[in-house]
């Protein structure tokens, strides 16, 4: 189904234009802008079919199993593995995202009351598809291999590699509307787990950098009988930028009820629930159970731990993989069309946006350095609040002990109260030194973070500040114009009243003459 949709899409006008084959007349224009980086194809279609052949044969009750095994392990025999009914080499447009986000959260602890606070969350190489072809667009192709393997700037010559034409899917949206889209979430749906929730309206982004990438894949469809005479269609997507990459198989449990029933009985309940939700699940030596969509590098706040980061990652993963991206695409189009009218046309990606960055080491290093300093800065801020809270408690104990010392008839022995007071005073004095050290450290880190802020972020913030000032000036102008209109209307009304009075006065003077 996915492959059919992609192949049908190829006939669409916009995709025909996007996938125009490179030749001498089209060499002047690029299919993608210069900021887009692509991973070259490292394996052929035959390599991909041979790699997955034995596994696919097993899915279809051993069909061509001997040929598939021979093709993979005894290539000199020249055997052919089980063949797909359709196959296509394609570039999938995706975004990797670095971001720093703040949000108001509530954390409940058994021994304490609920803690309400603003936390800082930092994302590193998080994933979002740049295209909308369900359910493939809800599958995460994020991998550490994207950082390890080399990518190249887009060139038109990449539309044909290894003697085959490449289907080039267009970027349809950016991740820049994700914060405003997340704010549409209800408070009821913003419960991450028991004792951990957030306020969607409080979400703010300090930094958001998006890296456009093209991931090479082979999309294949196998149509063969499985448990019945009727054929079952399975779609496989094979990573092609590395020889031993992963491959993603469409969920056979959703197509064969008998297999789903068996899996529900014999598989681990947690594993079954996970597999039952996915549209595609990864296979191969480098596969993991579920590739993280949201890779949370750090989360800073009181009582915040790595467990909270992991739980939040799983929660975002589930939201990404289970919910259609059509709603986000509509939201993105509405938001971007209203911001930048395009003469009746649909919203388009603004490739001049400073937040769109090239996925190259130096770019990543600058953003990473600034993000790490942000983690340290947030940690010092939390530590200062903790010390201030402890000082407050110690001060309350001191005041309380003073009151008790005045009351000699109290049940507590004054000597014990005096010891308690002395300990509290000592605690306060010790914490004052810690406080001053933390303040100095926080100031130093904040200055370093400002010093190493990426240049593109400085320019972006300046543009936003300029836009706000322009909007304020526009509003002031409108307000001034409204006041001018009101004053003009008031003057006109006064003039009309004066004219009426003059006319009445002249009329009264004429009446006596007429009587005479």
Protein backbone atom coordinates (compact mmCIF):
# COMPACT_ATOMS: atom_id res chain seq x y z
CA UNK A 1 0.00 0.00 0.00
CA UNK A 2 2.79 2.42 0.91
CA UNK A 3 4.71 1.60 -2.25
CA UNK A 4 1.59 1.98 -4.39
CA UNK A 5 0.96 5.40 -2.89
CA UNK A 6 4.53 6.50 -3.52
CA UNK A 7 4.46 5.25 -7.09
CA UNK A 8 1.11 6.95 -7.74
CA UNK A 9 2.49 10.15 -6.24
CA UNK A 10 5.26 10.07 -8.80
CA UNK A 11 2.69 10.99 -11.41
CA UNK A 12 1.65 14.13 -9.52
CA UNK A 13 2.73 17.38 -11.10
CA UNK A 14 4.69 18.71 -8.13
CA UNK A 15 6.60 15.47 -7.73
CA UNK A 16 7.22 15.19 -11.47
CA UNK A 17 8.79 18.61 -11.25
CA UNK A 18 10.74 17.68 -8.11
CA UNK A 19 12.03 14.48 -9.69
CA UNK A 20 12.95 15.88 -13.08
CA UNK A 21 15.97 13.88 -14.23
CA UNK A 22 19.31 15.55 -14.42
CA UNK A 23 20.42 16.56 -17.91
CA UNK A 24 22.27 19.39 -19.59
CA UNK A 25 19.17 21.60 -19.77
CA UNK A 26 18.17 21.14 -16.10
CA UNK A 27 21.66 21.41 -14.62
CA UNK A 28 21.06 25.03 -13.64
CA UNK A 29 18.35 24.17 -11.09
CA UNK A 30 18.45 21.83 -8.11
CA UNK A 31 15.78 19.44 -6.92
CA UNK A 32 16.59 20.51 -3.36
CA UNK A 33 18.10 23.72 -1.92
CA UNK A 34 21.79 23.92 -1.04
CA UNK A 35 21.16 23.45 2.69
CA UNK A 36 19.94 19.89 2.11
CA UNK A 37 22.50 17.13 2.69
CA UNK A 38 22.18 13.63 1.21
CA UNK A 39 23.65 10.24 2.00
CA UNK A 40 24.83 8.44 -1.17
CA UNK A 41 23.50 4.96 -1.96
CA UNK A 42 26.02 2.39 -0.70
CA UNK A 43 24.25 -0.81 -1.83
CA UNK A 44 22.39 -1.86 -4.98
CA UNK A 45 18.82 -3.10 -5.16
CA UNK A 46 20.12 -6.65 -5.68
CA UNK A 47 22.22 -6.33 -2.52
CA UNK A 48 19.14 -5.27 -0.57
CA UNK A 49 17.01 -8.15 -1.90
CA UNK A 50 19.75 -10.66 -1.07
CA UNK A 51 20.18 -9.36 2.49
CA UNK A 52 16.52 -9.75 3.46
CA UNK A 53 15.79 -12.78 1.23
CA UNK A 54 15.95 -15.61 3.84
CA UNK A 55 13.81 -13.71 6.34
CA UNK A 56 11.17 -12.83 3.74
CA UNK A 57 11.10 -16.47 2.58
CA UNK A 58 10.38 -17.58 6.15
CA UNK A 59 7.51 -15.11 6.43
CA UNK A 60 5.93 -16.68 3.35
CA UNK A 61 6.11 -20.24 4.69
CA UNK A 62 9.52 -21.06 3.24
CA UNK A 63 8.91 -19.88 -0.32
CA UNK A 64 12.18 -19.96 -2.30
CA UNK A 65 14.04 -20.48 0.98
CA UNK A 66 16.87 -22.53 -0.55
CA UNK A 67 17.44 -20.01 -3.31
CA UNK A 68 17.38 -17.15 -0.79
CA UNK A 69 19.89 -18.87 1.50
CA UNK A 70 22.19 -19.73 -1.40
CA UNK A 71 22.05 -16.19 -2.77
CA UNK A 72 23.08 -14.76 0.62
CA UNK A 73 25.62 -17.29 1.84
CA UNK A 74 26.82 -18.97 -1.39
CA UNK A 75 26.80 -16.10 -3.90
CA UNK A 76 29.12 -17.93 -6.33
CA UNK A 77 26.22 -20.29 -7.18
CA UNK A 78 24.35 -17.42 -8.84
CA UNK A 79 21.01 -18.21 -7.12
CA UNK A 80 18.24 -15.62 -6.97
CA UNK A 81 16.50 -14.82 -3.66
CA UNK A 82 12.73 -14.44 -3.27
CA UNK A 83 11.70 -11.54 -5.49
CA UNK A 84 9.49 -8.55 -4.59
CA UNK A 85 6.56 -7.73 -6.82
CA UNK A 86 7.60 -4.06 -6.92
CA UNK A 87 10.69 -2.15 -5.86
CA UNK A 88 11.83 1.45 -5.89
CA UNK A 89 14.96 3.39 -4.88
CA UNK A 90 13.98 6.58 -3.08
CA UNK A 91 15.25 9.49 -1.05
CA UNK A 92 13.18 10.10 2.11
CA UNK A 93 13.31 13.76 3.23
CA UNK A 94 13.66 14.01 7.01
CA UNK A 95 14.58 16.55 9.66
CA UNK A 96 16.96 16.13 12.56
CA UNK A 97 16.30 18.63 15.33
CA UNK A 98 18.35 20.27 18.09
CA UNK A 99 16.20 22.27 20.48
CA UNK A 100 16.03 23.79 23.93
CA UNK A 101 12.50 23.94 25.32
CA UNK A 102 11.07 25.23 28.59
CA UNK A 103 7.75 24.16 30.08
CA UNK A 104 5.88 24.28 33.36
CA UNK A 105 5.62 20.82 34.94
CA UNK A 106 4.12 19.15 37.99
CA UNK A 107 5.93 16.27 39.69
CA UNK A 108 4.32 14.32 42.51
CA UNK A 109 6.50 12.48 45.02
CA UNK A 110 5.21 10.10 47.65
CA UNK A 111 7.07 11.68 50.55
CA UNK A 112 6.45 15.28 49.42
CA UNK A 113 3.67 17.35 47.98
CA UNK A 114 3.46 18.11 44.25
CA UNK A 115 6.32 20.26 42.96
CA UNK A 116 5.42 22.85 40.32
CA UNK A 117 8.35 24.27 38.39
CA UNK A 118 9.66 25.32 34.99
CA UNK A 119 12.04 22.75 33.53
CA UNK A 120 14.55 23.03 30.68
CA UNK A 121 14.56 20.16 28.15
CA UNK A 122 17.25 19.77 25.52
CA UNK A 123 16.82 17.64 22.41
CA UNK A 124 19.74 16.39 20.35
CA UNK A 125 19.33 14.85 16.87
CA UNK A 126 15.63 14.25 17.40
CA UNK A 127 13.69 13.08 14.38
CA UNK A 128 10.76 14.23 12.27
CA UNK A 129 9.80 13.19 8.76
CA UNK A 130 9.62 15.94 6.16
CA UNK A 131 6.97 14.20 4.06
CA UNK A 132 3.42 12.93 4.52
CA UNK A 133 2.88 9.39 3.26
CA UNK A 134 1.09 7.40 5.93
CA UNK A 135 2.10 5.22 7.62
CA UNK A 136 5.71 5.52 6.42
CA UNK A 137 5.97 9.12 7.62
CA UNK A 138 5.25 7.94 11.19
CA UNK A 139 8.26 5.59 11.15
CA UNK A 140 11.49 6.90 12.67
CA UNK A 141 14.66 6.35 10.65
CA UNK A 142 16.76 8.04 13.30
CA UNK A 143 20.04 6.25 13.98
CA UNK A 144 23.50 6.95 15.34
CA UNK A 145 24.70 5.92 11.88
CA UNK A 146 23.48 9.24 10.49
CA UNK A 147 26.19 10.94 12.50
CA UNK A 148 28.90 8.39 11.76
CA UNK A 149 28.45 8.15 8.00
CA UNK A 150 29.37 10.97 5.63
CA UNK A 151 26.77 13.01 3.80
CA UNK A 152 27.25 15.32 0.82
CA UNK A 153 25.65 18.56 -0.38
CA UNK A 154 22.75 17.94 -2.73
CA UNK A 155 23.60 17.83 -6.43
CA UNK A 156 21.33 16.96 -9.33
CA UNK A 157 23.65 14.12 -10.28
CA UNK A 158 22.45 12.28 -7.15
CA UNK A 159 19.14 11.63 -8.88
CA UNK A 160 20.82 8.70 -10.60
CA UNK A 161 23.15 6.36 -8.73
CA UNK A 162 24.31 2.78 -9.26
CA UNK A 163 22.67 2.75 -12.71
CA UNK A 164 19.21 3.42 -11.33
CA UNK A 165 16.88 6.41 -11.11
CA UNK A 166 16.08 7.67 -7.62
CA UNK A 167 12.59 8.75 -6.57
CA UNK A 168 13.07 12.14 -4.88
CA UNK A 169 10.29 12.90 -2.43
CA UNK A 170 9.85 16.62 -1.68
CA UNK A 171 10.00 18.31 1.71
CA UNK A 172 6.41 19.25 2.55
CA UNK A 173 6.80 21.00 5.93
CA UNK A 174 9.28 22.04 8.63
CA UNK A 175 9.32 21.31 12.38
CA UNK A 176 9.09 25.00 13.32
CA UNK A 177 5.36 24.82 14.09
CA UNK A 178 5.81 21.97 16.58
CA UNK A 179 5.81 24.27 19.67
CA UNK A 180 2.53 25.98 18.70
CA UNK A 181 1.07 22.61 17.67
CA UNK A 182 1.98 21.14 21.06
CA UNK A 183 0.20 24.04 22.75
CA UNK A 184 -3.06 22.75 21.24
CA UNK A 185 -2.77 19.67 23.47
CA UNK A 186 -5.32 19.59 26.30
CA UNK A 187 -4.31 19.38 29.96
CA UNK A 188 -5.94 15.95 30.07
CA UNK A 189 -3.67 14.68 27.27
CA UNK A 190 -0.58 16.33 28.78
CA UNK A 191 -0.19 13.62 31.45
CA UNK A 192 3.08 11.84 30.66
CA UNK A 193 2.80 9.32 33.46
CA UNK A 194 1.34 9.15 36.94
CA UNK A 195 2.87 12.00 38.90
CA UNK A 196 4.39 13.72 35.87
CA UNK A 197 2.50 16.21 33.70
CA UNK A 198 3.02 19.55 31.97
CA UNK A 199 1.13 22.67 30.90
CA UNK A 200 0.96 22.78 27.06
CA UNK A 201 0.40 26.56 27.03
CA UNK A 202 3.69 27.11 28.85
CA UNK A 203 5.87 25.54 26.12
CA UNK A 204 8.54 27.92 24.84
CA UNK A 205 11.60 27.35 22.64
CA UNK A 206 14.90 29.04 23.42
CA UNK A 207 16.55 27.46 20.39
CA UNK A 208 15.38 25.25 17.53
CA UNK A 209 17.76 24.19 14.75
CA UNK A 210 16.51 21.90 11.98
CA UNK A 211 18.80 19.91 9.69
CA UNK A 212 17.28 18.71 6.37
CA UNK A 213 18.57 15.29 5.30
CA UNK A 214 17.86 12.80 2.52
CA UNK A 215 17.98 9.17 3.60
CA UNK A 216 18.45 6.63 0.76
CA UNK A 217 16.18 3.59 0.95
CA UNK A 218 14.82 0.74 -1.15
CA UNK A 219 11.07 0.28 -0.81
CA UNK A 220 9.91 -3.22 -1.79
CA UNK A 221 6.55 -4.99 -1.75
CA UNK A 222 6.21 -8.77 -1.46
CA UNK A 223 2.88 -10.41 -2.43
CA UNK A 224 2.70 -14.12 -1.59
CA UNK A 225 0.37 -16.48 0.29
CA UNK A 226 1.15 -16.91 3.96
CA UNK A 227 -1.35 -19.01 5.91
CA UNK A 228 -4.07 -18.94 3.27
CA UNK A 229 -4.23 -19.10 -0.51
CA UNK A 230 -4.87 -15.37 -0.72
CA UNK A 231 -1.60 -13.41 -1.02
CA UNK A 232 -0.52 -11.09 1.79
CA UNK A 233 1.29 -7.84 0.96
CA UNK A 234 4.29 -6.91 3.09
CA UNK A 235 6.23 -3.70 2.55
CA UNK A 236 9.93 -3.54 3.40
CA UNK A 237 12.06 -0.40 3.61
CA UNK A 238 15.83 -1.04 3.54
CA UNK A 239 18.38 1.58 4.58
CA UNK A 240 20.84 2.02 1.74
CA UNK A 241 23.50 4.42 3.07
CA UNK A 242 25.40 1.57 4.81
CA UNK A 243 25.98 -2.04 3.86
CA UNK A 244 24.70 -3.51 7.12
CA UNK A 245 21.87 -1.10 7.72
CA UNK A 246 18.49 -1.78 9.23
CA UNK A 247 15.39 -2.72 7.33
CA UNK A 248 11.81 -1.96 8.36
CA UNK A 249 9.03 -4.50 7.87
CA UNK A 250 5.35 -3.58 7.80
CA UNK A 251 3.49 -5.04 10.76
CA UNK A 252 2.42 -8.54 9.69
CA UNK A 253 0.33 -8.88 12.87
CA UNK A 254 -2.10 -6.29 11.50
CA UNK A 255 -2.58 -8.24 8.26
CA UNK A 256 -2.78 -11.83 9.52
CA UNK A 257 -5.25 -12.19 12.43
CA UNK A 258 -4.07 -15.73 13.19
CA UNK A 259 -0.50 -14.56 13.77
CA UNK A 260 -1.70 -11.72 15.95
CA UNK A 261 -3.71 -14.14 18.06
CA UNK A 262 -0.71 -16.44 18.49
CA UNK A 263 1.55 -13.51 19.37
CA UNK A 264 -0.90 -12.23 21.98
CA UNK A 265 -0.80 -15.65 23.68
CA UNK A 266 2.91 -16.44 23.60
CA UNK A 267 4.78 -13.13 23.41
CA UNK A 268 5.72 -11.03 26.41
CA UNK A 269 2.72 -8.70 27.09
CA UNK A 270 4.83 -5.53 26.99
CA UNK A 271 6.56 -6.62 23.77
CA UNK A 272 3.24 -7.52 22.18
CA UNK A 273 1.64 -4.18 23.07
CA UNK A 274 4.64 -2.42 21.55
CA UNK A 275 4.63 -4.44 18.32
CA UNK A 276 0.87 -4.22 18.01
CA UNK A 277 1.04 -0.42 17.89
CA UNK A 278 3.77 -0.05 15.28
CA UNK A 279 3.16 0.21 11.55
CA UNK A 280 6.77 -0.74 10.78
CA UNK A 281 9.34 -2.29 13.07
CA UNK A 282 13.09 -2.42 12.51
CA UNK A 283 15.07 -5.56 11.81
CA UNK A 284 18.72 -6.30 11.18
CA UNK A 285 21.97 -6.34 13.19
CA UNK A 286 21.85 -2.62 13.98
CA UNK A 287 18.15 -2.50 14.84
CA UNK A 288 16.72 -1.48 18.19
CA UNK A 289 13.26 -2.16 19.54
CA UNK A 290 11.99 1.36 18.90
CA UNK A 291 14.23 4.10 17.45
CA UNK A 292 13.79 7.18 19.59
CA UNK A 293 12.01 10.02 17.81
CA UNK A 294 12.79 12.40 20.64
CA UNK A 295 16.37 12.04 21.86
CA UNK A 296 16.44 14.00 25.12
CA UNK A 297 19.97 15.03 25.97
CA UNK A 298 19.09 16.63 29.30
CA UNK A 299 16.20 17.72 31.51
CA UNK A 300 16.90 20.20 34.31
CA UNK A 301 14.68 20.79 37.32
CA UNK A 302 14.26 19.81 40.96
CA UNK A 303 13.82 16.06 41.39
CA UNK A 304 14.31 15.57 37.62
CA UNK A 305 16.26 12.40 36.75
CA UNK A 306 17.23 10.36 33.69
CA UNK A 307 14.10 8.30 34.30
CA UNK A 308 11.96 11.35 33.59
CA UNK A 309 13.87 11.92 30.33
CA UNK A 310 13.36 8.28 29.30
CA UNK A 311 9.65 8.32 30.16
CA UNK A 312 9.15 11.55 28.24
CA UNK A 313 11.01 10.10 25.23
CA UNK A 314 8.73 7.06 25.17
CA UNK A 315 5.66 9.27 25.54
CA UNK A 316 6.71 11.44 22.58
CA UNK A 317 7.59 8.31 20.58
CA UNK A 318 4.13 6.92 21.06
CA UNK A 319 2.47 10.22 20.14
CA UNK A 320 4.57 10.42 16.98
CA UNK A 321 3.98 6.88 15.79
CA UNK A 322 0.28 6.56 16.59
CA UNK A 323 -1.12 9.91 15.51
CA UNK A 324 -1.49 10.98 11.89
CA UNK A 325 0.71 13.82 10.66
CA UNK A 326 -2.12 15.25 8.57
CA UNK A 327 -3.26 17.42 11.48
CA UNK A 328 0.23 18.86 11.86
CA UNK A 329 0.51 19.53 8.12
CA UNK A 330 -2.78 21.46 8.20
CA UNK A 331 -1.59 23.41 11.24
CA UNK A 332 1.76 24.17 9.62
CA UNK A 333 0.13 25.37 6.40
CA UNK A 334 -2.35 27.59 8.25
CA UNK A 335 0.37 29.12 10.42
CA UNK A 336 2.86 29.74 7.62
CA UNK A 337 0.32 30.97 5.08
CA UNK A 338 -0.98 33.54 7.56
CA UNK A 339 2.54 34.72 8.38
CA UNK A 340 3.71 34.97 4.77
CA UNK A 341 0.91 35.31 2.20
CA UNK A 342 1.85 33.65 -1.07
CA UNK A 343 -0.65 35.20 -3.49
CA UNK A 344 -3.23 32.49 -3.07
CA UNK A 345 -0.72 29.63 -3.16
CA UNK A 346 -0.29 27.00 -0.49
CA UNK A 347 2.31 27.48 2.25
CA UNK A 348 5.87 26.80 1.14
CA UNK A 349 9.09 26.17 3.02
CA UNK A 350 11.19 29.29 3.55
CA UNK A 351 14.65 27.87 2.91
CA UNK A 352 16.21 31.21 3.87
CA UNK A 353 15.03 30.69 7.46
CA UNK A 354 18.13 30.96 9.66
CA UNK A 355 16.95 28.03 11.78
CA UNK A 356 17.48 25.64 8.85
CA UNK A 357 21.08 24.52 9.20
CA UNK A 358 23.39 22.17 7.29
CA UNK A 359 24.06 18.84 9.00
CA UNK A 360 27.85 19.17 9.15
CA UNK A 361 30.24 18.62 12.11
CA UNK A 362 31.15 22.26 12.68
CA UNK A 363 27.50 23.32 12.72
CA UNK A 364 26.58 20.55 15.13
CA UNK A 365 29.57 21.27 17.38
CA UNK A 366 28.64 24.96 17.80
CA UNK A 367 25.03 24.18 18.67
CA UNK A 368 26.08 21.31 20.94
CA UNK A 369 28.52 23.44 22.90
CA UNK A 370 25.88 26.09 23.51
CA UNK A 371 23.36 23.41 24.58
CA UNK A 372 25.79 21.82 27.06
CA UNK A 373 26.43 25.21 28.65
CA UNK A 374 22.66 25.56 28.89
CA UNK A 375 22.45 22.29 30.84
CA UNK A 376 25.11 23.48 33.27
CA UNK A 377 23.43 26.87 33.63
CA UNK A 378 20.06 25.26 34.38
CA UNK A 379 21.68 22.90 36.90
CA UNK A 380 23.27 25.81 38.79
CA UNK A 381 19.93 27.65 38.81
CA UNK A 382 18.22 24.59 40.32
CA UNK A 383 20.99 24.24 42.91
CA UNK A 384 20.55 27.89 43.94
CA UNK A 385 16.82 27.37 44.44
CA UNK A 386 17.54 24.27 46.51
CA UNK A 387 19.98 26.16 48.74
CA UNK A 388 17.51 29.02 49.13
CA UNK A 389 14.82 26.55 50.18
CA UNK A 390 17.16 24.93 52.72
CA UNK A 391 18.11 28.36 54.09
CA UNK A 392 14.45 29.17 54.56
CA UNK A 393 13.95 25.98 56.55
CA UNK A 394 17.03 26.67 58.68
CA UNK A 395 15.88 30.24 59.35
CA UNK A 396 12.44 28.99 60.42
CA UNK A 397 14.10 26.54 62.83
CA UNK A 398 16.18 29.37 64.31
CA UNK A 399 13.13 31.57 64.84
CA UNK A 400 11.19 28.69 66.31
CA UNK A 401 14.04 27.82 68.72
CA UNK A 402 14.29 31.46 69.84
CA UNK A 403 10.59 31.43 70.69
CA UNK A 404 11.03 28.23 72.68
CA UNK A 405 13.99 29.62 74.61
CA UNK A 406 11.81 32.49 75.82
CA UNK A 407 9.28 29.98 77.14
CA UNK A 408 11.17 28.33 80.02
CA UNK A 409 8.15 26.33 80.98
CA UNK A 410 8.11 24.48 77.67
CA UNK A 411 8.36 20.71 77.39
CA UNK A 412 11.60 20.93 75.39
CA UNK A 413 14.76 21.31 77.47
CA UNK A 414 16.33 24.73 76.71
CA UNK A 415 19.79 23.15 76.31
CA UNK A 416 18.46 20.95 73.48
CA UNK A 417 16.81 23.95 71.86
CA UNK A 418 20.05 25.88 72.08
CA UNK A 419 21.89 23.04 70.34
CA UNK A 420 19.22 23.03 67.63
CA UNK A 421 19.55 26.77 67.19
CA UNK A 422 23.35 26.62 67.02
CA UNK A 423 23.17 23.88 64.40
CA UNK A 424 20.71 25.92 62.33
CA UNK A 425 22.90 29.03 62.50
CA UNK A 426 25.92 26.95 61.48
CA UNK A 427 23.91 25.50 58.58
CA UNK A 428 22.94 28.95 57.40
CA UNK A 429 26.52 30.20 57.58
CA UNK A 430 27.77 27.16 55.67
CA UNK A 431 25.12 27.55 53.04
CA UNK A 432 25.96 31.23 52.57
CA UNK A 433 29.38 30.18 51.33
CA UNK A 434 27.82 27.61 49.01
CA UNK A 435 25.35 30.25 47.82
CA UNK A 436 28.08 32.69 46.89
CA UNK A 437 30.05 29.98 45.07
CA UNK A 438 26.99 28.89 43.09
CA UNK A 439 26.14 32.49 42.20
CA UNK A 440 29.66 33.08 40.91
CA UNK A 441 29.59 29.83 38.92
CA UNK A 442 26.18 30.61 37.45
CA UNK A 443 27.36 34.06 36.38
CA UNK A 444 30.47 32.59 34.76
CA UNK A 445 28.51 29.94 32.86
CA UNK A 446 25.89 32.47 31.73
CA UNK A 447 28.61 34.74 30.36
CA UNK A 448 30.26 31.81 28.57
CA UNK A 449 26.93 30.76 27.08
CA UNK A 450 26.34 34.25 25.76
CA UNK A 451 29.87 34.31 24.35
CA UNK A 452 29.49 30.99 22.51
CA UNK A 453 25.95 31.54 21.29
CA UNK A 454 25.82 30.49 17.60
CA UNK A 455 25.90 33.44 15.24
CA UNK A 456 22.77 32.30 13.40
CA UNK A 457 20.84 32.28 16.69
CA UNK A 458 21.97 35.83 17.50
CA UNK A 459 20.78 36.97 14.06
CA UNK A 460 17.51 35.08 14.42
CA UNK A 461 16.77 36.65 17.81
CA UNK A 462 17.58 40.10 16.40
CA UNK A 463 15.11 39.52 13.55
CA UNK A 464 12.45 38.45 16.02
CA UNK A 465 13.05 41.50 18.19
CA UNK A 466 12.91 43.70 15.09
CA UNK A 467 9.66 42.05 14.04
CA UNK A 468 8.16 42.68 17.46
CA UNK A 469 9.19 46.33 17.37
CA UNK A 470 7.74 46.67 13.88
CA UNK A 471 4.48 45.13 15.07
CA UNK A 472 4.37 47.48 18.04
CA UNK A 473 5.03 50.45 15.76
CA UNK A 474 2.29 49.24 13.45
CA UNK A 475 -0.10 48.97 16.37
CA UNK A 476 0.92 52.42 17.59
CA UNK A 477 0.32 53.75 14.09
CA UNK A 478 -3.09 52.12 13.95
CA UNK A 479 -3.93 53.47 17.39
CA UNK A 480 -2.75 56.93 16.38
CA UNK A 481 -4.75 56.69 13.17
CA UNK A 482 -7.86 55.68 15.10
CA UNK A 483 -7.39 58.64 17.44
CA UNK A 484 -6.95 60.97 14.44
CA UNK A 485 -10.13 59.59 12.91
CA UNK A 486 -11.96 60.09 16.18
CA UNK A 487 -10.67 63.66 16.47
CA UNK A 488 -11.60 64.38 12.86
CA UNK A 489 -15.07 62.95 13.44
CA UNK A 490 -15.42 64.99 16.61
CA UNK A 491 -14.35 68.18 14.79
CA UNK A 492 -16.80 67.46 12.00
CA UNK A 493 -19.60 66.93 14.51
CA UNK A 494 -18.73 70.22 16.26
CA UNK A 495 -18.70 72.01 12.93
CA UNK A 496 -22.09 70.56 12.04
CA UNK A 497 -23.55 71.71 15.37
CA UNK A 498 -22.12 75.22 14.88
CA UNK A 499 -23.59 75.39 11.37
CA UNK A 500 -27.02 74.33 12.69
CA UNK A 501 -26.87 76.99 15.40
CA UNK A 502 -25.90 79.63 12.83
CA UNK A 503 -28.75 78.61 10.53
CA UNK A 504 -31.24 78.68 13.41
CA UNK A 505 -30.01 82.11 14.47
CA UNK A 506 -30.34 83.49 10.95
CA UNK A 507 -33.81 81.98 10.67
CA UNK A 508 -34.95 83.65 13.90
CA UNK A 509 -33.69 87.04 12.68
CA UNK A 510 -35.63 86.72 9.40
CA UNK A 511 -38.97 85.84 11.06
CA UNK A 512 -39.62 89.33 12.61
CA UNK A 513 -38.92 91.00 9.27
CA UNK A 514 -41.45 88.75 7.61
CA UNK A 515 -44.12 89.69 10.19
CA UNK A 516 -43.53 93.38 9.65
